[in-house]
């Protein structure tokens, strides 16, 4: 079985981290980008502006 080349991470707004809006993106598991936290400028419909979104841990799930 092959190794995973990417993992799923959640992006939340940098200013208001308990916001109800967030993005899910894929992040590589190897290489230079895997070591750094993601920080992307994305659109936030709550504020109707483009804002910086930062990487957070995925919430625990129930089975």
PDB file of N, CA and C in Angstrom:
ATOM      1  N   UNK A   1       0.832  -1.171   0.000  1.00  0.00           N
ATOM      2  CA  UNK A   1       0.000   0.000   0.000  1.00  0.00           C
ATOM      3  C   UNK A   1       0.887   1.247   0.000  1.00  0.00           C
ATOM      4  N   UNK A   2       0.518   2.213  -0.801  1.00  0.00           N
ATOM      5  CA  UNK A   2       1.315   3.425  -0.937  1.00  0.00           C
ATOM      6  C   UNK A   2       1.085   4.383   0.231  1.00  0.00           C
ATOM      7  N   UNK A   3       2.092   5.231   0.454  1.00  0.00           N
ATOM      8  CA  UNK A   3       1.967   6.247   1.498  1.00  0.00           C
ATOM      9  C   UNK A   3       1.084   7.386   0.995  1.00  0.00           C
ATOM     10  N   UNK A   4       0.427   8.074   1.926  1.00  0.00           N
ATOM     11  CA  UNK A   4      -0.377   9.227   1.549  1.00  0.00           C
ATOM     12  C   UNK A   4       0.544  10.375   1.162  1.00  0.00           C
ATOM     13  N   UNK A   5       0.174  11.088   0.105  1.00  0.00           N
ATOM     14  CA  UNK A   5       0.977  12.229  -0.324  1.00  0.00           C
ATOM     15  C   UNK A   5       0.434  13.541   0.218  1.00  0.00           C
ATOM     16  N   UNK A   6      -0.783  13.526   0.774  1.00  0.00           N
ATOM     17  CA  UNK A   6      -1.346  14.747   1.352  1.00  0.00           C
ATOM     18  C   UNK A   6      -2.272  14.406   2.507  1.00  0.00           C
ATOM     19  N   UNK A   7      -2.474  15.401   3.372  1.00  0.00           N
ATOM     20  CA  UNK A   7      -3.397  15.253   4.493  1.00  0.00           C
ATOM     21  C   UNK A   7      -4.408  16.392   4.438  1.00  0.00           C
ATOM     22  N   UNK A   8      -5.522  16.203   5.105  1.00  0.00           N
ATOM     23  CA  UNK A   8      -6.572  17.219   5.140  1.00  0.00           C
ATOM     24  C   UNK A   8      -6.389  18.083   6.380  1.00  0.00           C
ATOM     25  N   UNK A   9      -6.419  19.421   6.182  1.00  0.00           N
ATOM     26  CA  UNK A   9      -6.322  20.355   7.297  1.00  0.00           C
ATOM     27  C   UNK A   9      -7.460  21.370   7.205  1.00  0.00           C
ATOM     28  N   UNK A  10      -7.753  21.997   8.328  1.00  0.00           N
ATOM     29  CA  UNK A  10      -8.831  22.982   8.374  1.00  0.00           C
ATOM     30  C   UNK A  10      -8.237  24.379   8.488  1.00  0.00           C
ATOM     31  N   UNK A  11      -8.731  25.312   7.675  1.00  0.00           N
ATOM     32  CA  UNK A  11      -8.290  26.701   7.726  1.00  0.00           C
ATOM     33  C   UNK A  11      -9.376  27.542   8.380  1.00  0.00           C
ATOM     34  N   UNK A  12      -9.003  28.311   9.384  1.00  0.00           N
ATOM     35  CA  UNK A  12      -9.940  29.192  10.090  1.00  0.00           C
ATOM     36  C   UNK A  12      -9.441  30.628   9.955  1.00  0.00           C
ATOM     37  N   UNK A  13     -10.339  31.622  10.047  1.00  0.00           N
ATOM     38  CA  UNK A  13      -9.897  33.026   9.945  1.00  0.00           C
ATOM     39  C   UNK A  13      -8.915  33.381  11.064  1.00  0.00           C
ATOM     40  N   UNK A  14      -7.904  34.132  10.710  1.00  0.00           N
ATOM     41  CA  UNK A  14      -6.873  34.496  11.685  1.00  0.00           C
ATOM     42  C   UNK A  14      -7.426  35.449  12.749  1.00  0.00           C
ATOM     43  N   UNK A  15      -8.293  36.371  12.360  1.00  0.00           N
ATOM     44  CA  UNK A  15      -8.824  37.354  13.295  1.00  0.00           C
ATOM     45  C   UNK A  15      -9.852  36.757  14.253  1.00  0.00           C
ATOM     46  N   UNK A  16     -10.765  35.954  13.724  1.00  0.00           N
ATOM     47  CA  UNK A  16     -11.857  35.395  14.525  1.00  0.00           C
ATOM     48  C   UNK A  16     -11.832  33.874  14.383  1.00  0.00           C
ATOM     49  N   UNK A  17     -11.050  33.214  15.232  1.00  0.00           N
ATOM     50  CA  UNK A  17     -10.816  31.786  15.067  1.00  0.00           C
ATOM     51  C   UNK A  17     -12.000  30.921  15.462  1.00  0.00           C
ATOM     52  N   UNK A  18     -12.958  31.456  16.217  1.00  0.00           N
ATOM     53  CA  UNK A  18     -14.142  30.664  16.574  1.00  0.00           C
ATOM     54  C   UNK A  18     -15.290  30.938  15.605  1.00  0.00           C
ATOM     55  N   UNK A  19     -14.964  31.400  14.421  1.00  0.00           N
ATOM     56  CA  UNK A  19     -15.958  31.691  13.394  1.00  0.00           C
ATOM     57  C   UNK A  19     -16.646  30.399  12.942  1.00  0.00           C
ATOM     58  N   UNK A  20     -17.854  30.539  12.437  1.00  0.00           N
ATOM     59  CA  UNK A  20     -18.584  29.363  11.968  1.00  0.00           C
ATOM     60  C   UNK A  20     -18.185  28.979  10.539  1.00  0.00           C
ATOM     61  N   UNK A  21     -17.370  29.796   9.887  1.00  0.00           N
ATOM     62  CA  UNK A  21     -16.958  29.508   8.517  1.00  0.00           C
ATOM     63  C   UNK A  21     -15.493  29.088   8.489  1.00  0.00           C
ATOM     64  N   UNK A  22     -15.178  28.041   7.717  1.00  0.00           N
ATOM     65  CA  UNK A  22     -13.817  27.559   7.576  1.00  0.00           C
ATOM     66  C   UNK A  22     -13.677  26.814   6.258  1.00  0.00           C
ATOM     67  N   UNK A  23     -12.456  26.585   5.854  1.00  0.00           N
ATOM     68  CA  UNK A  23     -12.141  25.839   4.635  1.00  0.00           C
ATOM     69  C   UNK A  23     -11.421  24.551   5.013  1.00  0.00           C
ATOM     70  N   UNK A  24     -11.586  23.517   4.191  1.00  0.00           N
ATOM     71  CA  UNK A  24     -10.779  22.307   4.272  1.00  0.00           C
ATOM     72  C   UNK A  24      -9.905  22.267   3.039  1.00  0.00           C
ATOM     73  N   UNK A  25      -8.600  22.051   3.219  1.00  0.00           N
ATOM     74  CA  UNK A  25      -7.659  21.987   2.112  1.00  0.00           C
ATOM     75  C   UNK A  25      -6.726  20.804   2.309  1.00  0.00           C
ATOM     76  N   UNK A  26      -6.067  20.404   1.244  1.00  0.00           N
ATOM     77  CA  UNK A  26      -5.083  19.332   1.319  1.00  0.00           C
ATOM     78  C   UNK A  26      -3.691  19.943   1.426  1.00  0.00           C
ATOM     79  N   UNK A  27      -2.873  19.334   2.282  1.00  0.00           N
ATOM     80  CA  UNK A  27      -1.514  19.793   2.524  1.00  0.00           C
ATOM     81  C   UNK A  27      -0.579  18.619   2.259  1.00  0.00           C
ATOM     82  N   UNK A  28       0.571  18.840   1.609  1.00  0.00           N
ATOM     83  CA  UNK A  28       1.487  17.729   1.351  1.00  0.00           C
ATOM     84  C   UNK A  28       2.083  17.160   2.642  1.00  0.00           C
ATOM     85  N   UNK A  29       2.385  15.874   2.625  1.00  0.00           N
ATOM     86  CA  UNK A  29       2.960  15.228   3.810  1.00  0.00           C
ATOM     87  C   UNK A  29       4.477  15.259   3.795  1.00  0.00           C
ATOM     88  N   UNK A  30       5.082  15.526   2.648  1.00  0.00           N
ATOM     89  CA  UNK A  30       6.536  15.549   2.543  1.00  0.00           C
ATOM     90  C   UNK A  30       6.983  16.845   1.876  1.00  0.00           C
ATOM     91  N   UNK A  31       8.223  17.190   2.117  1.00  0.00           N
ATOM     92  CA  UNK A  31       8.775  18.376   1.471  1.00  0.00           C
ATOM     93  C   UNK A  31       8.773  19.592   2.380  1.00  0.00           C
ATOM     94  N   UNK A  32       9.100  20.741   1.787  1.00  0.00           N
ATOM     95  CA  UNK A  32       9.246  21.982   2.538  1.00  0.00           C
ATOM     96  C   UNK A  32       7.920  22.508   3.067  1.00  0.00           C
ATOM     97  N   UNK A  33       6.848  22.410   2.295  1.00  0.00           N
ATOM     98  CA  UNK A  33       5.543  22.922   2.712  1.00  0.00           C
ATOM     99  C   UNK A  33       4.931  22.113   3.841  1.00  0.00           C
ATOM    100  N   UNK A  34       5.321  20.876   4.021  1.00  0.00           N
ATOM    101  CA  UNK A  34       4.766  20.028   5.073  1.00  0.00           C
ATOM    102  C   UNK A  34       5.203  20.489   6.453  1.00  0.00           C
ATOM    103  N   UNK A  35       6.360  21.141   6.541  1.00  0.00           N
ATOM    104  CA  UNK A  35       6.901  21.552   7.835  1.00  0.00           C
ATOM    105  C   UNK A  35       6.274  22.843   8.345  1.00  0.00           C
ATOM    106  N   UNK A  36       5.816  23.703   7.429  1.00  0.00           N
ATOM    107  CA  UNK A  36       5.274  25.008   7.813  1.00  0.00           C
ATOM    108  C   UNK A  36       3.760  24.960   7.916  1.00  0.00           C
ATOM    109  N   UNK A  37       3.214  25.816   8.794  1.00  0.00           N
ATOM    110  CA  UNK A  37       1.761  25.942   8.882  1.00  0.00           C
ATOM    111  C   UNK A  37       1.254  26.696   7.666  1.00  0.00           C
ATOM    112  N   UNK A  38       0.115  26.267   7.143  1.00  0.00           N
ATOM    113  CA  UNK A  38      -0.472  26.955   6.000  1.00  0.00           C
ATOM    114  C   UNK A  38      -1.063  28.286   6.425  1.00  0.00           C
ATOM    115  N   UNK A  39      -0.914  29.275   5.561  1.00  0.00           N
ATOM    116  CA  UNK A  39      -1.526  30.587   5.769  1.00  0.00           C
ATOM    117  C   UNK A  39      -1.909  31.101   4.393  1.00  0.00           C
ATOM    118  N   UNK A  40      -3.213  31.133   4.124  1.00  0.00           N
ATOM    119  CA  UNK A  40      -3.706  31.524   2.805  1.00  0.00           C
ATOM    120  C   UNK A  40      -4.688  32.673   2.928  1.00  0.00           C
ATOM    121  N   UNK A  41      -4.744  33.488   1.894  1.00  0.00           N
ATOM    122  CA  UNK A  41      -5.718  34.569   1.854  1.00  0.00           C
ATOM    123  C   UNK A  41      -6.922  34.053   1.072  1.00  0.00           C
ATOM    124  N   UNK A  42      -8.059  33.937   1.764  1.00  0.00           N
ATOM    125  CA  UNK A  42      -9.284  33.397   1.177  1.00  0.00           C
ATOM    126  C   UNK A  42     -10.445  34.333   1.470  1.00  0.00           C
ATOM    127  N   UNK A  43     -11.548  34.113   0.783  1.00  0.00           N
ATOM    128  CA  UNK A  43     -12.745  34.928   0.965  1.00  0.00           C
ATOM    129  C   UNK A  43     -13.550  34.433   2.161  1.00  0.00           C
ATOM    130  N   UNK A  44     -13.973  35.362   3.004  1.00  0.00           N
ATOM    131  CA  UNK A  44     -14.807  35.041   4.153  1.00  0.00           C
ATOM    132  C   UNK A  44     -16.186  35.655   3.923  1.00  0.00           C
ATOM    133  N   UNK A  45     -17.220  34.834   3.693  1.00  0.00           N
ATOM    134  CA  UNK A  45     -18.547  35.372   3.423  1.00  0.00           C
ATOM    135  C   UNK A  45     -19.201  36.057   4.619  1.00  0.00           C
ATOM    136  N   UNK A  46     -18.754  35.761   5.837  1.00  0.00           N
ATOM    137  CA  UNK A  46     -19.313  36.421   7.011  1.00  0.00           C
ATOM    138  C   UNK A  46     -18.977  37.910   7.034  1.00  0.00           C
ATOM    139  N   UNK A  47     -17.729  38.228   6.708  1.00  0.00           N
ATOM    140  CA  UNK A  47     -17.302  39.626   6.696  1.00  0.00           C
ATOM    141  C   UNK A  47     -17.347  40.236   5.295  1.00  0.00           C
ATOM    142  N   UNK A  48     -17.564  39.386   4.295  1.00  0.00           N
ATOM    143  CA  UNK A  48     -17.604  39.790   2.884  1.00  0.00           C
ATOM    144  C   UNK A  48     -16.298  40.449   2.442  1.00  0.00           C
ATOM    145  N   UNK A  49     -15.178  39.866   2.918  1.00  0.00           N
ATOM    146  CA  UNK A  49     -13.850  40.369   2.575  1.00  0.00           C
ATOM    147  C   UNK A  49     -12.888  39.193   2.427  1.00  0.00           C
ATOM    148  N   UNK A  50     -11.752  39.463   1.778  1.00  0.00           N
ATOM    149  CA  UNK A  50     -10.677  38.492   1.738  1.00  0.00           C
ATOM    150  C   UNK A  50      -9.856  38.662   3.010  1.00  0.00           C
ATOM    151  N   UNK A  51      -9.576  37.546   3.684  1.00  0.00           N
ATOM    152  CA  UNK A  51      -8.840  37.567   4.948  1.00  0.00           C
ATOM    153  C   UNK A  51      -7.799  36.462   4.958  1.00  0.00           C
ATOM    154  N   UNK A  52      -6.880  36.546   5.894  1.00  0.00           N
ATOM    155  CA  UNK A  52      -5.899  35.491   6.098  1.00  0.00           C
ATOM    156  C   UNK A  52      -6.538  34.356   6.880  1.00  0.00           C
ATOM    157  N   UNK A  53      -6.363  33.143   6.383  1.00  0.00           N
ATOM    158  CA  UNK A  53      -6.826  31.934   7.050  1.00  0.00           C
ATOM    159  C   UNK A  53      -5.597  31.133   7.448  1.00  0.00           C
ATOM    160  N   UNK A  54      -5.603  30.595   8.676  1.00  0.00           N
ATOM    161  CA  UNK A  54      -4.468  29.829   9.166  1.00  0.00           C
ATOM    162  C   UNK A  54      -4.892  28.388   9.478  1.00  0.00           C
ATOM    163  N   UNK A  55      -3.930  27.520   9.494  1.00  0.00           N
ATOM    164  CA  UNK A  55      -4.172  26.094   9.713  1.00  0.00           C
ATOM    165  C   UNK A  55      -4.443  25.801  11.182  1.00  0.00           C
ATOM    166  N   UNK A  56      -5.454  24.987  11.424  1.00  0.00           N
ATOM    167  CA  UNK A  56      -5.774  24.490  12.762  1.00  0.00           C
ATOM    168  C   UNK A  56      -5.935  22.982  12.696  1.00  0.00           C
ATOM    169  N   UNK A  57      -5.862  22.338  13.863  1.00  0.00           N
ATOM    170  CA  UNK A  57      -6.075  20.890  13.921  1.00  0.00           C
ATOM    171  C   UNK A  57      -7.521  20.568  13.595  1.00  0.00           C
ATOM    172  N   UNK A  58      -7.750  19.413  13.012  1.00  0.00           N
ATOM    173  CA  UNK A  58      -9.102  18.950  12.750  1.00  0.00           C
ATOM    174  C   UNK A  58      -9.772  18.616  14.073  1.00  0.00           C
ATOM    175  N   UNK A  59     -11.072  18.873  14.188  1.00  0.00           N
ATOM    176  CA  UNK A  59     -11.757  18.523  15.428  1.00  0.00           C
ATOM    177  C   UNK A  59     -11.886  17.011  15.560  1.00  0.00           C
ATOM    178  N   UNK A  60     -11.942  16.492  16.785  1.00  0.00           N
ATOM    179  CA  UNK A  60     -12.119  15.044  16.951  1.00  0.00           C
ATOM    180  C   UNK A  60     -13.471  14.602  16.447  1.00  0.00           C
ATOM    181  N   UNK A  61     -13.539  13.423  15.877  1.00  0.00           N
ATOM    182  CA  UNK A  61     -14.802  12.920  15.359  1.00  0.00           C
ATOM    183  C   UNK A  61     -15.273  11.719  16.170  1.00  0.00           C
ATOM    184  N   UNK A  62     -16.545  11.493  16.117  1.00  0.00           N
ATOM    185  CA  UNK A  62     -17.095  10.328  16.814  1.00  0.00           C
ATOM    186  C   UNK A  62     -17.394   9.240  15.790  1.00  0.00           C
ATOM    187  N   UNK A  63     -17.252   8.018  16.207  1.00  0.00           N
ATOM    188  CA  UNK A  63     -17.455   6.902  15.262  1.00  0.00           C
ATOM    189  C   UNK A  63     -18.852   6.376  15.318  1.00  0.00           C
TER     190      UNK A  63
END
